[in-house]
C-alpha atoms as a PDB file:
ATOM      1  CA  UNK A   1     113.980 103.286 108.489  1.00  0.00           C
ATOM      2  CA  UNK A   2     112.213 101.112 106.256  1.00  0.00           C
ATOM      3  CA  UNK A   3     113.592  98.888 103.459  1.00  0.00           C
ATOM      4  CA  UNK A   4     112.081  99.443 100.650  1.00  0.00           C
ATOM      5  CA  UNK A   5     111.247 101.622  98.484  1.00  0.00           C
ATOM      6  CA  UNK A   6     113.316 102.523  94.395  1.00  0.00           C
ATOM      7  CA  UNK A   7     111.913 105.706  91.667  1.00  0.00           C
ATOM      8  CA  UNK A   8     108.044 103.314  91.615  1.00  0.00           C
ATOM      9  CA  UNK A   9     108.459 104.566  95.655  1.00  0.00           C
ATOM     10  CA  UNK A  10     109.101 108.093  95.068  1.00  0.00           C
ATOM     11  CA  UNK A  11     106.675 108.667  92.462  1.00  0.00           C
ATOM     12  CA  UNK A  12     103.891 107.153  94.489  1.00  0.00           C
ATOM     13  CA  UNK A  13     104.825 109.936  96.699  1.00  0.00           C
ATOM     14  CA  UNK A  14     105.084 112.543  94.635  1.00  0.00           C
ATOM     15  CA  UNK A  15     101.111 111.162  93.118  1.00  0.00           C
ATOM     16  CA  UNK A  16      99.605 111.848  96.452  1.00  0.00           C
ATOM     17  CA  UNK A  17     101.543 114.905  97.668  1.00  0.00           C
ATOM     18  CA  UNK A  18     100.602 116.110  93.722  1.00  0.00           C
ATOM     19  CA  UNK A  19      96.954 115.175  94.607  1.00  0.00           C
ATOM     20  CA  UNK A  20      96.529 115.998  98.277  1.00  0.00           C
ATOM     21  CA  UNK A  21      97.876 119.720  96.739  1.00  0.00           C
ATOM     22  CA  UNK A  22      94.769 119.622  94.727  1.00  0.00           C
ATOM     23  CA  UNK A  23      92.602 118.755  97.150  1.00  0.00           C
ATOM     24  CA  UNK A  24      93.263 121.151  99.475  1.00  0.00           C
ATOM     25  CA  UNK A  25      93.423 124.123  96.838  1.00  0.00           C
ATOM     26  CA  UNK A  26      90.197 123.668  96.217  1.00  0.00           C
ATOM     27  CA  UNK A  27      88.403 122.353  99.992  1.00  0.00           C
ATOM     28  CA  UNK A  28      89.792 125.363 101.062  1.00  0.00           C
ATOM     29  CA  UNK A  29      86.941 127.781 100.279  1.00  0.00           C
ATOM     30  CA  UNK A  30      84.547 125.017 100.389  1.00  0.00           C
ATOM     31  CA  UNK A  31      86.174 124.271 104.325  1.00  0.00           C
ATOM     32  CA  UNK A  32      86.113 128.484 104.643  1.00  0.00           C
ATOM     33  CA  UNK A  33      82.094 128.167 103.708  1.00  0.00           C
ATOM     34  CA  UNK A  34      81.098 125.068 105.484  1.00  0.00           C
ATOM     35  CA  UNK A  35      82.662 124.743 109.103  1.00  0.00           C
ATOM     36  CA  UNK A  36      84.968 122.099 107.265  1.00  0.00           C
ATOM     37  CA  UNK A  37      87.904 120.239 109.373  1.00  0.00           C
ATOM     38  CA  UNK A  38      89.914 118.089 107.177  1.00  0.00           C
ATOM     39  CA  UNK A  39      91.524 115.397 108.101  1.00  0.00           C
ATOM     40  CA  UNK A  40      94.323 113.257 106.087  1.00  0.00           C
ATOM     41  CA  UNK A  41      94.648 109.565 107.379  1.00  0.00           C
ATOM     42  CA  UNK A  42      98.148 107.242 106.866  1.00  0.00           C
ATOM     43  CA  UNK A  43      97.775 103.609 107.621  1.00  0.00           C
ATOM     44  CA  UNK A  44     100.754 102.231 107.134  1.00  0.00           C
ATOM     45  CA  UNK A  45     103.106 105.387 108.126  1.00  0.00           C
ATOM     46  CA  UNK A  46     105.820 103.677 108.950  1.00  0.00           C
ATOM     47  CA  UNK A  47     109.060 105.944 110.506  1.00  0.00           C
ATOM     48  CA  UNK A  48     109.339 108.773 108.511  1.00  0.00           C
ATOM     49  CA  UNK A  49     112.251 107.929 106.148  1.00  0.00           C
ATOM     50  CA  UNK A  50     112.418 105.291 103.697  1.00  0.00           C
ATOM     51  CA  UNK A  51     115.608 103.604 102.444  1.00  0.00           C
ATOM     52  CA  UNK A  52     116.502 103.804  99.000  1.00  0.00           C
ATOM     53  CA  UNK A  53     117.590 100.704  96.208  1.00  0.00           C
ATOM     54  CA  UNK A  54     121.413 102.537  96.415  1.00  0.00           C
ATOM     55  CA  UNK A  55     121.460 101.883 100.319  1.00  0.00           C
ATOM     56  CA  UNK A  56     122.321 105.381 100.417  1.00  0.00           C
ATOM     57  CA  UNK A  57     119.890 108.108  99.546  1.00  0.00           C
ATOM     58  CA  UNK A  58     116.523 108.024 102.123  1.00  0.00           C
ATOM     59  CA  UNK A  59     114.005 109.144 100.848  1.00  0.00           C
ATOM     60  CA  UNK A  60     111.020 111.497 103.003  1.00  0.00           C
ATOM     61  CA  UNK A  61     108.607 108.781 103.173  1.00  0.00           C
ATOM     62  CA  UNK A  62     104.347 110.183 102.635  1.00  0.00           C
ATOM     63  CA  UNK A  63     103.717 110.633 106.411  1.00  0.00           C
ATOM     64  CA  UNK A  64     106.313 113.764 106.372  1.00  0.00           C
ATOM     65  CA  UNK A  65     106.190 115.256 103.030  1.00  0.00           C
ATOM     66  CA  UNK A  66     102.255 115.560 104.113  1.00  0.00           C
ATOM     67  CA  UNK A  67     103.140 117.633 107.183  1.00  0.00           C
ATOM     68  CA  UNK A  68     104.926 120.055 104.511  1.00  0.00           C
ATOM     69  CA  UNK A  69     102.405 121.268 102.561  1.00  0.00           C
ATOM     70  CA  UNK A  70     101.684 124.405 103.659  1.00  0.00           C
ATOM     71  CA  UNK A  71      99.619 126.481 100.439  1.00  0.00           C
ATOM     72  CA  UNK A  72      96.488 127.130 100.178  1.00  0.00           C
ATOM     73  CA  UNK A  73      96.696 124.955 103.566  1.00  0.00           C
ATOM     74  CA  UNK A  74      97.007 121.650 105.561  1.00  0.00           C
ATOM     75  CA  UNK A  75      95.470 119.619 107.529  1.00  0.00           C
ATOM     76  CA  UNK A  76      93.287 120.295 110.201  1.00  0.00           C
ATOM     77  CA  UNK A  77      94.632 116.632 111.619  1.00  0.00           C
ATOM     78  CA  UNK A  78      96.853 114.657 110.654  1.00  0.00           C
ATOM     79  CA  UNK A  79      96.434 110.846 112.178  1.00  0.00           C
ATOM     80  CA  UNK A  80      99.630 108.128 111.502  1.00  0.00           C
ATOM     81  CA  UNK A  81      98.982 104.410 112.113  1.00  0.00           C
ATOM     82  CA  UNK A  82     102.044 102.025 112.049  1.00  0.00           C
ATOM     83  CA  UNK A  83     101.559  99.119 113.721  1.00  0.00           C
ATOM     84  CA  UNK A  84     105.611  98.339 114.714  1.00  0.00           C
ATOM     85  CA  UNK A  85     106.183 100.160 118.019  1.00  0.00           C
ATOM     86  CA  UNK A  86     109.474 101.187 116.846  1.00  0.00           C
ATOM     87  CA  UNK A  87     108.846 103.009 113.594  1.00  0.00           C
ATOM     88  CA  UNK A  88     105.382 104.647 114.873  1.00  0.00           C
ATOM     89  CA  UNK A  89     108.131 105.918 117.934  1.00  0.00           C
ATOM     90  CA  UNK A  90     110.829 106.762 115.307  1.00  0.00           C
ATOM     91  CA  UNK A  91     107.492 108.938 113.147  1.00  0.00           C
ATOM     92  CA  UNK A  92     106.149 110.678 116.677  1.00  0.00           C
ATOM     93  CA  UNK A  93     110.173 111.790 117.617  1.00  0.00           C
ATOM     94  CA  UNK A  94     110.433 112.928 113.997  1.00  0.00           C
ATOM     95  CA  UNK A  95     107.096 114.623 113.931  1.00  0.00           C
ATOM     96  CA  UNK A  96     105.633 116.088 116.847  1.00  0.00           C
ATOM     97  CA  UNK A  97     108.022 118.052 118.519  1.00  0.00           C
ATOM     98  CA  UNK A  98     109.121 119.349 115.070  1.00  0.00           C
ATOM     99  CA  UNK A  99     105.603 120.791 114.122  1.00  0.00           C
ATOM    100  CA  UNK A 100     104.140 122.408 117.176  1.00  0.00           C
ATOM    101  CA  UNK A 101     101.328 124.329 115.134  1.00  0.00           C
ATOM    102  CA  UNK A 102     100.372 121.076 114.158  1.00  0.00           C
ATOM    103  CA  UNK A 103      97.440 118.464 115.278  1.00  0.00           C
ATOM    104  CA  UNK A 104      99.728 115.348 114.692  1.00  0.00           C
ATOM    105  CA  UNK A 105      98.144 111.884 116.062  1.00  0.00           C
ATOM    106  CA  UNK A 106     100.469 108.796 115.803  1.00  0.00           C
ATOM    107  CA  UNK A 107      99.173 105.797 116.742  1.00  0.00           C
ATOM    108  CA  UNK A 108     101.053 102.213 117.458  1.00  0.00           C
ATOM    109  CA  UNK A 109      97.631 100.032 116.155  1.00  0.00           C
ATOM    110  CA  UNK A 110      96.549  97.851 113.130  1.00  0.00           C
ATOM    111  CA  UNK A 111      95.267  99.491 110.442  1.00  0.00           C
ATOM    112  CA  UNK A 112      92.048  97.310 110.179  1.00  0.00           C
ATOM    113  CA  UNK A 113      91.093  98.575 113.797  1.00  0.00           C
ATOM    114  CA  UNK A 114      91.930 101.811 112.709  1.00  0.00           C
ATOM    115  CA  UNK A 115      90.105 102.167 109.553  1.00  0.00           C
ATOM    116  CA  UNK A 116      86.773 100.788 111.174  1.00  0.00           C
ATOM    117  CA  UNK A 117      87.459 104.044 113.906  1.00  0.00           C
ATOM    118  CA  UNK A 118      88.036 106.434 111.361  1.00  0.00           C
ATOM    119  CA  UNK A 119      84.494 104.736 109.134  1.00  0.00           C
ATOM    120  CA  UNK A 120      83.167 105.125 113.355  1.00  0.00           C
ATOM    121  CA  UNK A 121      83.816 108.749 113.758  1.00  0.00           C
ATOM    122  CA  UNK A 122      83.279 110.225 110.235  1.00  0.00           C
ATOM    123  CA  UNK A 123      79.760 108.532 111.266  1.00  0.00           C
ATOM    124  CA  UNK A 124      80.015 111.108 114.768  1.00  0.00           C
ATOM    125  CA  UNK A 125      77.865 113.780 114.723  1.00  0.00           C
ATOM    126  CA  UNK A 126      81.363 115.524 115.261  1.00  0.00           C
ATOM    127  CA  UNK A 127      82.536 113.319 112.717  1.00  0.00           C
ATOM    128  CA  UNK A 128      80.243 114.822 110.239  1.00  0.00           C
ATOM    129  CA  UNK A 129      81.883 118.301 109.471  1.00  0.00           C
ATOM    130  CA  UNK A 130      85.244 116.456 108.255  1.00  0.00           C
ATOM    131  CA  UNK A 131      86.472 115.860 105.340  1.00  0.00           C
ATOM    132  CA  UNK A 132      88.909 113.424 105.023  1.00  0.00           C
ATOM    133  CA  UNK A 133      92.448 111.866 102.491  1.00  0.00           C
ATOM    134  CA  UNK A 134      93.437 108.235 103.956  1.00  0.00           C
ATOM    135  CA  UNK A 135      96.185 106.819 102.206  1.00  0.00           C
ATOM    136  CA  UNK A 136      96.379 103.526 102.852  1.00  0.00           C
ATOM    137  CA  UNK A 137      99.296 101.930 102.141  1.00  0.00           C
ATOM    138  CA  UNK A 138     100.906  98.557 103.091  1.00  0.00           C
ATOM    139  CA  UNK A 139     103.759  96.750 101.875  1.00  0.00           C
ATOM    140  CA  UNK A 140     102.119  93.191 100.741  1.00  0.00           C
ATOM    141  CA  UNK A 141      98.486  92.165 101.599  1.00  0.00           C
ATOM    142  CA  UNK A 142      97.562  93.731 105.827  1.00  0.00           C
ATOM    143  CA  UNK A 143      94.954  95.211 104.660  1.00  0.00           C
ATOM    144  CA  UNK A 144      91.579  93.020 104.996  1.00  0.00           C
ATOM    145  CA  UNK A 145      88.321  93.848 103.045  1.00  0.00           C
ATOM    146  CA  UNK A 146      85.696  93.489 105.016  1.00  0.00           C
ATOM    147  CA  UNK A 147      87.805  96.937 106.654  1.00  0.00           C
ATOM    148  CA  UNK A 148      88.082  98.876 103.919  1.00  0.00           C
ATOM    149  CA  UNK A 149      83.432  98.082 103.530  1.00  0.00           C
ATOM    150  CA  UNK A 150      83.912 100.592 106.837  1.00  0.00           C
ATOM    151  CA  UNK A 151      84.498 103.626 104.646  1.00  0.00           C
ATOM    152  CA  UNK A 152      81.470 103.214 102.309  1.00  0.00           C
ATOM    153  CA  UNK A 153      79.562 106.578 101.610  1.00  0.00           C
ATOM    154  CA  UNK A 154      81.714 108.136 103.783  1.00  0.00           C
ATOM    155  CA  UNK A 155      83.207 111.943 102.737  1.00  0.00           C
ATOM    156  CA  UNK A 156      87.125 110.238 102.096  1.00  0.00           C
ATOM    157  CA  UNK A 157      88.975 109.907  98.815  1.00  0.00           C
ATOM    158  CA  UNK A 158      91.354 107.341  99.191  1.00  0.00           C
ATOM    159  CA  UNK A 159      94.456 106.971  97.621  1.00  0.00           C
ATOM    160  CA  UNK A 160      95.565 102.624  98.223  1.00  0.00           C
ATOM    161  CA  UNK A 161      97.810 100.206  96.985  1.00  0.00           C
ATOM    162  CA  UNK A 162      97.039  96.864  95.904  1.00  0.00           C
ATOM    163  CA  UNK A 163      99.753  94.359  96.150  1.00  0.00           C
ATOM    164  CA  UNK A 164      98.224  92.430  92.394  1.00  0.00           C
ATOM    165  CA  UNK A 165     101.839  91.178  91.445  1.00  0.00           C
ATOM    166  CA  UNK A 166     103.949  91.658  94.878  1.00  0.00           C
ATOM    167  CA  UNK A 167     100.992  90.128  97.049  1.00  0.00           C
ATOM    168  CA  UNK A 168      97.745  87.982  95.372  1.00  0.00           C
ATOM    169  CA  UNK A 169      99.081  86.617  92.125  1.00  0.00           C
ATOM    170  CA  UNK A 170     102.433  85.027  94.586  1.00  0.00           C
ATOM    171  CA  UNK A 171      99.303  82.854  96.312  1.00  0.00           C
ATOM    172  CA  UNK A 172      97.960  82.046  93.884  1.00  0.00           C
ATOM    173  CA  UNK A 173      99.825  78.877  93.247  1.00  0.00           C
ATOM    174  CA  UNK A 174      99.451  77.616  89.386  1.00  0.00           C
ATOM    175  CA  UNK A 175      98.030  73.797  89.672  1.00  0.00           C
ATOM    176  CA  UNK A 176      95.262  76.322  91.941  1.00  0.00           C
ATOM    177  CA  UNK A 177      97.242  74.044  94.637  1.00  0.00           C
ATOM    178  CA  UNK A 178      96.504  76.864  96.726  1.00  0.00           C
ATOM    179  CA  UNK A 179      97.101  76.191 101.000  1.00  0.00           C
ATOM    180  CA  UNK A 180      94.646  77.280 103.854  1.00  0.00           C
ATOM    181  CA  UNK A 181      97.118  80.369 105.292  1.00  0.00           C
ATOM    182  CA  UNK A 182      97.208  81.410 102.011  1.00  0.00           C
ATOM    183  CA  UNK A 183      93.622  80.756 100.917  1.00  0.00           C
ATOM    184  CA  UNK A 184      92.436  82.468 104.072  1.00  0.00           C
ATOM    185  CA  UNK A 185      95.239  85.775 103.447  1.00  0.00           C
ATOM    186  CA  UNK A 186      93.580  86.408  99.974  1.00  0.00           C
ATOM    187  CA  UNK A 187      89.299  85.484 101.594  1.00  0.00           C
ATOM    188  CA  UNK A 188      90.487  88.594 104.014  1.00  0.00           C
ATOM    189  CA  UNK A 189      92.332  90.951 101.767  1.00  0.00           C
ATOM    190  CA  UNK A 190      88.976  90.209  98.708  1.00  0.00           C
ATOM    191  CA  UNK A 191      86.475  89.758 100.669  1.00  0.00           C
ATOM    192  CA  UNK A 192      85.921  86.340  98.921  1.00  0.00           C
ATOM    193  CA  UNK A 193      85.452  82.873  99.257  1.00  0.00           C
ATOM    194  CA  UNK A 194      88.078  80.171  98.128  1.00  0.00           C
ATOM    195  CA  UNK A 195      85.556  78.517  95.892  1.00  0.00           C
ATOM    196  CA  UNK A 196      84.926  82.422  94.822  1.00  0.00           C
ATOM    197  CA  UNK A 197      88.436  83.033  94.490  1.00  0.00           C
ATOM    198  CA  UNK A 198      89.372  79.709  92.146  1.00  0.00           C
ATOM    199  CA  UNK A 199      86.297  80.435  89.801  1.00  0.00           C
ATOM    200  CA  UNK A 200      87.601  83.824  89.388  1.00  0.00           C
ATOM    201  CA  UNK A 201      91.182  83.276  88.695  1.00  0.00           C
ATOM    202  CA  UNK A 202      91.665  79.904  87.604  1.00  0.00           C
ATOM    203  CA  UNK A 203      90.267  77.316  84.078  1.00  0.00           C
ATOM    204  CA  UNK A 204      88.616  74.081  84.241  1.00  0.00           C
ATOM    205  CA  UNK A 205      89.497  71.768  81.987  1.00  0.00           C
ATOM    206  CA  UNK A 206      89.992  68.079  80.585  1.00  0.00           C
ATOM    207  CA  UNK A 207      92.830  66.511  79.723  1.00  0.00           C
ATOM    208  CA  UNK A 208      93.235  62.035  79.553  1.00  0.00           C
ATOM    209  CA  UNK A 209      96.043  60.723  81.017  1.00  0.00           C
ATOM    210  CA  UNK A 210      97.227  57.202  81.159  1.00  0.00           C
ATOM    211  CA  UNK A 211      94.516  57.201  84.186  1.00  0.00           C
ATOM    212  CA  UNK A 212      91.565  57.887  82.083  1.00  0.00           C
ATOM    213  CA  UNK A 213      90.246  61.725  82.102  1.00  0.00           C
ATOM    214  CA  UNK A 214      91.266  64.523  84.460  1.00  0.00           C
ATOM    215  CA  UNK A 215      90.259  68.068  85.769  1.00  0.00           C
ATOM    216  CA  UNK A 216      93.355  70.608  85.954  1.00  0.00           C
ATOM    217  CA  UNK A 217      93.365  74.159  86.460  1.00  0.00           C
ATOM    218  CA  UNK A 218      95.554  76.926  84.926  1.00  0.00           C
ATOM    219  CA  UNK A 219      96.311  80.070  86.446  1.00  0.00           C
ATOM    220  CA  UNK A 220      94.918  82.522  84.001  1.00  0.00           C
ATOM    221  CA  UNK A 221      96.899  86.132  83.786  1.00  0.00           C
ATOM    222  CA  UNK A 222      96.656  86.382  88.236  1.00  0.00           C
ATOM    223  CA  UNK A 223      97.720  90.381  88.162  1.00  0.00           C
ATOM    224  CA  UNK A 224      95.505  91.758  84.810  1.00  0.00           C
ATOM    225  CA  UNK A 225      92.623  90.277  87.038  1.00  0.00           C
ATOM    226  CA  UNK A 226      93.434  90.593  90.465  1.00  0.00           C
ATOM    227  CA  UNK A 227      93.588  94.836  89.494  1.00  0.00           C
ATOM    228  CA  UNK A 228      90.623  94.432  87.233  1.00  0.00           C
ATOM    229  CA  UNK A 229      88.648  92.940  90.414  1.00  0.00           C
ATOM    230  CA  UNK A 230      89.857  94.981  92.916  1.00  0.00           C
ATOM    231  CA  UNK A 231      88.743  98.160  90.536  1.00  0.00           C
ATOM    232  CA  UNK A 232      85.204  96.221  90.207  1.00  0.00           C
ATOM    233  CA  UNK A 233      85.293  95.284  94.319  1.00  0.00           C
ATOM    234  CA  UNK A 234      86.185  99.853  94.943  1.00  0.00           C
ATOM    235  CA  UNK A 235      83.982 101.287  92.537  1.00  0.00           C
ATOM    236  CA  UNK A 236      80.506  98.696  94.673  1.00  0.00           C
ATOM    237  CA  UNK A 237      82.102 101.392  97.259  1.00  0.00           C
ATOM    238  CA  UNK A 238      82.917 104.384  95.973  1.00  0.00           C
ATOM    239  CA  UNK A 239      80.900 106.273  92.845  1.00  0.00           C
ATOM    240  CA  UNK A 240      84.413 107.019  91.470  1.00  0.00           C
ATOM    241  CA  UNK A 241      87.565 105.153  90.494  1.00  0.00           C
ATOM    242  CA  UNK A 242      90.277 106.254  89.517  1.00  0.00           C
ATOM    243  CA  UNK A 243      92.446 104.493  86.633  1.00  0.00           C
ATOM    244  CA  UNK A 244      96.037 102.553  88.096  1.00  0.00           C
ATOM    245  CA  UNK A 245      99.700 103.899  88.514  1.00  0.00           C
ATOM    246  CA  UNK A 246     101.576 100.446  87.701  1.00  0.00           C
ATOM    247  CA  UNK A 247     103.855 100.372  89.633  1.00  0.00           C
ATOM    248  CA  UNK A 248     106.825  97.882  88.202  1.00  0.00           C
ATOM    249  CA  UNK A 249     110.479  96.588  89.336  1.00  0.00           C
ATOM    250  CA  UNK A 250     113.697  96.742  87.167  1.00  0.00           C
ATOM    251  CA  UNK A 251     113.215  93.515  86.511  1.00  0.00           C
ATOM    252  CA  UNK A 252     109.508  95.087  84.243  1.00  0.00           C
ATOM    253  CA  UNK A 253     107.826  93.245  86.541  1.00  0.00           C
ATOM    254  CA  UNK A 254     104.470  94.577  87.922  1.00  0.00           C
ATOM    255  CA  UNK A 255     104.453  94.700  91.784  1.00  0.00           C
ATOM    256  CA  UNK A 256     101.636  96.498  92.472  1.00  0.00           C
ATOM    257  CA  UNK A 257      98.604  98.728  91.445  1.00  0.00           C
ATOM    258  CA  UNK A 258      97.327 102.274  92.917  1.00  0.00           C
ATOM    259  CA  UNK A 259      94.402 103.588  92.832  1.00  0.00           C
ATOM    260  CA  UNK A 260      92.193 106.478  93.825  1.00  0.00           C
ATOM    261  CA  UNK A 261      88.133 106.051  94.761  1.00  0.00           C
ATOM    262  CA  UNK A 262      86.022 108.552  96.029  1.00  0.00           C
ATOM    263  CA  UNK A 263      82.310 109.920  95.628  1.00  0.00           C
ATOM    264  CA  UNK A 264      83.005 112.641  93.883  1.00  0.00           C
ATOM    265  CA  UNK A 265      83.768 113.104  90.269  1.00  0.00           C
ATOM    266  CA  UNK A 266      86.525 116.053  89.756  1.00  0.00           C
ATOM    267  CA  UNK A 267      88.382 114.562  92.413  1.00  0.00           C
ATOM    268  CA  UNK A 268      88.656 111.367  90.205  1.00  0.00           C
ATOM    269  CA  UNK A 269      89.430 112.845  87.078  1.00  0.00           C
ATOM    270  CA  UNK A 270      92.235 115.268  89.102  1.00  0.00           C
ATOM    271  CA  UNK A 271      93.328 111.757  89.757  1.00  0.00           C
ATOM    272  CA  UNK A 272      93.357 110.508  86.485  1.00  0.00           C
ATOM    273  CA  UNK A 273      95.150 113.763  85.261  1.00  0.00           C
ATOM    274  CA  UNK A 274      98.296 113.320  87.786  1.00  0.00           C
ATOM    275  CA  UNK A 275      98.548 109.543  86.815  1.00  0.00           C
ATOM    276  CA  UNK A 276      98.738 109.563  83.473  1.00  0.00           C
ATOM    277  CA  UNK A 277     102.097 112.315  84.053  1.00  0.00           C
ATOM    278  CA  UNK A 278     104.183 109.047  85.934  1.00  0.00           C
ATOM    279  CA  UNK A 279     102.492 106.723  83.766  1.00  0.00           C
ATOM    280  CA  UNK A 280     104.115 107.655  80.905  1.00  0.00           C
END
C-alpha cells in the first residue's frame, strides 16, 4: 500500500473521476460515430490503495476508481504504469482478475519511457483511432519535461500533478547555491538549463560588505513562480491549460499544483468548473 495521502489526495482523485465521467459522456457519441477507441493512461498507478493520514482508513487509488466508472461507458483500454515492482504486482492482482471484461495492462516500467511509448503509439496508424485521457501523478520530480513534450499535438487530455512546493521550491536554495545533483534534477524536470533557472527564480543585487561590493542572489516566491512557469510551458505543448487545483498540507503550505492540459477548449472549460468547486 502506498503510504502517501490526505484530504487533498482524495480531492485530487475525485476531480479526476468527475472529469472522467464528463469526458466519457461526451466522447461516447463521438466514439460510436467515428469508430474511436478510448484509452486511459496512468503513469504512476501505485498499488491501488493509498494509506491515509490516520493510518487506519485506506484511500482507494485512482486506478481502481477509474475501473469502476461504467456510465455511460468505460474506457476501451486501461494502461497502468508503475515503476515499483511490488506495487505493480499488487495492482495487477487486484485489477486484472477482478475485471475480466476489461482490457487492462499493468506495466512495471518508468513513466518517462511509457509516455514516449504512448506518444509513438498515438502517432501510429493504429493509434490514430484512439482518444486518450492521461493521469500523471508523481509524488516528486520523477517526470522529465522531454518525455511530456512528446505528447504535443496528440489527441490526449492530460491531468498532471506538479510538485511546486514539495519539489521545485525545496531544491532551489535561498542563496542560489544549488548542488550539481539538484541542478540536474531541476533541469530534467523543467526542461531548462541552470542559467535559465537561476535567472527565472532569483534576483541579483549588489551589497557593500567589509571587503567591498558583492553580488547577492535572492530567491523569489519559488512556489508561485514554478506554478506559473509550468503552466506556461504546458501552453507551449497544448492549446489550453486549466487553472490549478492547489494542494496544501495541514499547515496550509502549498505542496502541489494540479493542472489539466488539452487541445480542446471545452475539455479545459469543464476541468475549470470541477476544479473551482474543490478550490473553494
